[in-house]
Amino acid sequence: MAASSGGSSGGRFNVFGRSRRAPTGQPGEWYYCLKHHKVEEGPECPAKNRLGPYESREEAARAIEIARDRDESWRRDPRWNDRGRDDES
C-alpha cells in the first residue's frame, strides 16, 4: 500500500508523524544545550535538549554543576529519601 501524499499538513509533520515545534525561549534567557554542550541565548534548540532558563550566560555555563548540586541536595533531603521505608514493615 502506497503512502498518500494528499492533504495539507503545512510542513508541520515529518515522516514519522511527529509535530515539528519551534524552539521556545526569549532573547535574554540563557540555556545550556545538552546536545551541543554549549550555552545558548533564547530559542536555539528544542527544550528537550536544554537546561534553563538561567539569568546569565555565566550561570548557564555552570548548568551541569548546578544540576549536580541540586541532585545531591535532593538525595540528602529526608523528604525525598525513600531508603529504609520498606525495611520498617
C-alpha atoms as a PDB file:
ATOM      1  CA  MET A   1       0.000   0.000   0.000  1.00  0.00           C
ATOM      2  CA  ALA A   2       1.473   3.330  -1.045  1.00  0.00           C
ATOM      3  CA  ALA A   3       1.552   6.270   1.318  1.00  0.00           C
ATOM      4  CA  SER A   4      -0.808   9.032   0.399  1.00  0.00           C
ATOM      5  CA  SER A   5       0.644  12.429  -0.228  1.00  0.00           C
ATOM      6  CA  GLY A   6      -2.790  14.040  -0.187  1.00  0.00           C
ATOM      7  CA  GLY A   7      -3.862  16.557   2.382  1.00  0.00           C
ATOM      8  CA  SER A   8      -2.043  19.538   3.674  1.00  0.00           C
ATOM      9  CA  SER A   9      -0.024  19.342   6.825  1.00  0.00           C
ATOM     10  CA  GLY A  10       1.614  22.668   6.176  1.00  0.00           C
ATOM     11  CA  GLY A  11       5.021  21.077   6.801  1.00  0.00           C
ATOM     12  CA  ARG A  12       4.278  20.520  10.486  1.00  0.00           C
ATOM     13  CA  PHE A  13       4.803  16.766  10.429  1.00  0.00           C
ATOM     14  CA  ASN A  14       7.846  14.782   9.479  1.00  0.00           C
ATOM     15  CA  VAL A  15       7.797  11.248   8.027  1.00  0.00           C
ATOM     16  CA  PHE A  16       7.257   9.744  11.484  1.00  0.00           C
ATOM     17  CA  GLY A  17       4.149  11.817  12.161  1.00  0.00           C
ATOM     18  CA  ARG A  18       5.742  13.842  14.936  1.00  0.00           C
ATOM     19  CA  SER A  19       4.981  17.513  15.001  1.00  0.00           C
ATOM     20  CA  ARG A  20       7.899  19.866  14.459  1.00  0.00           C
ATOM     21  CA  ARG A  21       7.842  22.589  17.049  1.00  0.00           C
ATOM     22  CA  ALA A  22       9.836  25.763  17.006  1.00  0.00           C
ATOM     23  CA  PRO A  23      12.175  26.131  19.982  1.00  0.00           C
ATOM     24  CA  THR A  24      10.721  28.234  22.776  1.00  0.00           C
ATOM     25  CA  GLY A  25      12.505  30.921  24.732  1.00  0.00           C
ATOM     26  CA  GLN A  26      13.173  34.629  24.681  1.00  0.00           C
ATOM     27  CA  PRO A  27      16.261  36.681  23.943  1.00  0.00           C
ATOM     28  CA  GLY A  28      17.893  37.410  27.286  1.00  0.00           C
ATOM     29  CA  GLU A  29      17.085  33.914  28.623  1.00  0.00           C
ATOM     30  CA  TRP A  30      20.131  31.688  28.802  1.00  0.00           C
ATOM     31  CA  TYR A  31      20.180  27.907  28.401  1.00  0.00           C
ATOM     32  CA  TYR A  32      22.712  25.109  28.359  1.00  0.00           C
ATOM     33  CA  CYS A  33      22.251  22.777  25.383  1.00  0.00           C
ATOM     34  CA  LEU A  34      22.873  19.150  26.340  1.00  0.00           C
ATOM     35  CA  LYS A  35      23.137  18.109  22.684  1.00  0.00           C
ATOM     36  CA  HIS A  36      25.737  20.672  21.617  1.00  0.00           C
ATOM     37  CA  HIS A  37      27.374  21.174  25.050  1.00  0.00           C
ATOM     38  CA  LYS A  38      27.194  24.958  24.799  1.00  0.00           C
ATOM     39  CA  VAL A  39      25.440  27.997  26.233  1.00  0.00           C
ATOM     40  CA  GLU A  40      22.654  29.422  24.071  1.00  0.00           C
ATOM     41  CA  GLU A  41      20.624  32.609  24.294  1.00  0.00           C
ATOM     42  CA  GLY A  42      16.914  32.356  23.566  1.00  0.00           C
ATOM     43  CA  PRO A  43      15.294  29.781  21.305  1.00  0.00           C
ATOM     44  CA  GLU A  44      18.085  27.931  19.510  1.00  0.00           C
ATOM     45  CA  CYS A  45      17.496  24.239  20.319  1.00  0.00           C
ATOM     46  CA  PRO A  46      14.362  22.331  21.393  1.00  0.00           C
ATOM     47  CA  ALA A  47      13.509  22.452  25.099  1.00  0.00           C
ATOM     48  CA  LYS A  48      14.086  18.683  25.417  1.00  0.00           C
ATOM     49  CA  ASN A  49      17.812  19.328  24.838  1.00  0.00           C
ATOM     50  CA  ARG A  50      18.253  22.265  27.235  1.00  0.00           C
ATOM     51  CA  LEU A  51      18.679  23.134  30.882  1.00  0.00           C
ATOM     52  CA  GLY A  52      17.379  26.521  31.944  1.00  0.00           C
ATOM     53  CA  PRO A  53      16.444  29.261  31.638  1.00  0.00           C
ATOM     54  CA  TYR A  54      19.189  30.945  33.630  1.00  0.00           C
ATOM     55  CA  GLU A  55      19.568  34.648  34.345  1.00  0.00           C
ATOM     56  CA  SER A  56      23.037  34.996  32.820  1.00  0.00           C
ATOM     57  CA  ARG A  57      25.446  33.372  30.383  1.00  0.00           C
ATOM     58  CA  GLU A  58      27.773  32.607  33.305  1.00  0.00           C
ATOM     59  CA  GLU A  59      25.045  30.811  35.265  1.00  0.00           C
ATOM     60  CA  ALA A  60      24.041  28.778  32.178  1.00  0.00           C
ATOM     61  CA  ALA A  61      27.686  27.786  31.701  1.00  0.00           C
ATOM     62  CA  ARG A  62      27.510  26.192  35.170  1.00  0.00           C
ATOM     63  CA  ALA A  63      24.250  24.315  34.384  1.00  0.00           C
ATOM     64  CA  ILE A  64      25.724  20.824  34.775  1.00  0.00           C
ATOM     65  CA  GLU A  65      27.361  21.777  38.076  1.00  0.00           C
ATOM     66  CA  ILE A  66      24.126  23.390  39.310  1.00  0.00           C
ATOM     67  CA  ALA A  67      22.094  20.305  38.344  1.00  0.00           C
ATOM     68  CA  ARG A  68      24.629  18.020  40.058  1.00  0.00           C
ATOM     69  CA  ASP A  69      24.495  20.122  43.247  1.00  0.00           C
ATOM     70  CA  ARG A  70      20.683  20.158  43.252  1.00  0.00           C
ATOM     71  CA  ASP A  71      20.554  16.417  42.671  1.00  0.00           C
ATOM     72  CA  GLU A  72      22.919  15.803  45.585  1.00  0.00           C
ATOM     73  CA  SER A  73      20.887  18.122  47.800  1.00  0.00           C
ATOM     74  CA  TRP A  74      17.673  16.262  46.942  1.00  0.00           C
ATOM     75  CA  ARG A  75      19.398  12.939  47.504  1.00  0.00           C
ATOM     76  CA  ARG A  76      20.244  14.018  51.077  1.00  0.00           C
ATOM     77  CA  ASP A  77      16.830  15.574  51.785  1.00  0.00           C
ATOM     78  CA  PRO A  78      14.840  13.234  54.101  1.00  0.00           C
ATOM     79  CA  ARG A  79      11.578  14.343  52.447  1.00  0.00           C
ATOM     80  CA  TRP A  80      12.768  12.729  49.176  1.00  0.00           C
ATOM     81  CA  ASN A  81      14.785   9.840  50.589  1.00  0.00           C
ATOM     82  CA  ASP A  82      12.844   6.557  50.455  1.00  0.00           C
ATOM     83  CA  ARG A  83      15.683   4.368  51.739  1.00  0.00           C
ATOM     84  CA  GLY A  84      14.667   2.322  54.744  1.00  0.00           C
ATOM     85  CA  ARG A  85      10.922   2.839  54.399  1.00  0.00           C
ATOM     86  CA  ASP A  86      10.347  -0.678  53.033  1.00  0.00           C
ATOM     87  CA  ASP A  87      12.578  -2.134  55.752  1.00  0.00           C
ATOM     88  CA  GLU A  88      10.340  -0.782  58.539  1.00  0.00           C
ATOM     89  CA  SER A  89       7.397  -3.131  57.837  1.00  0.00           C
END
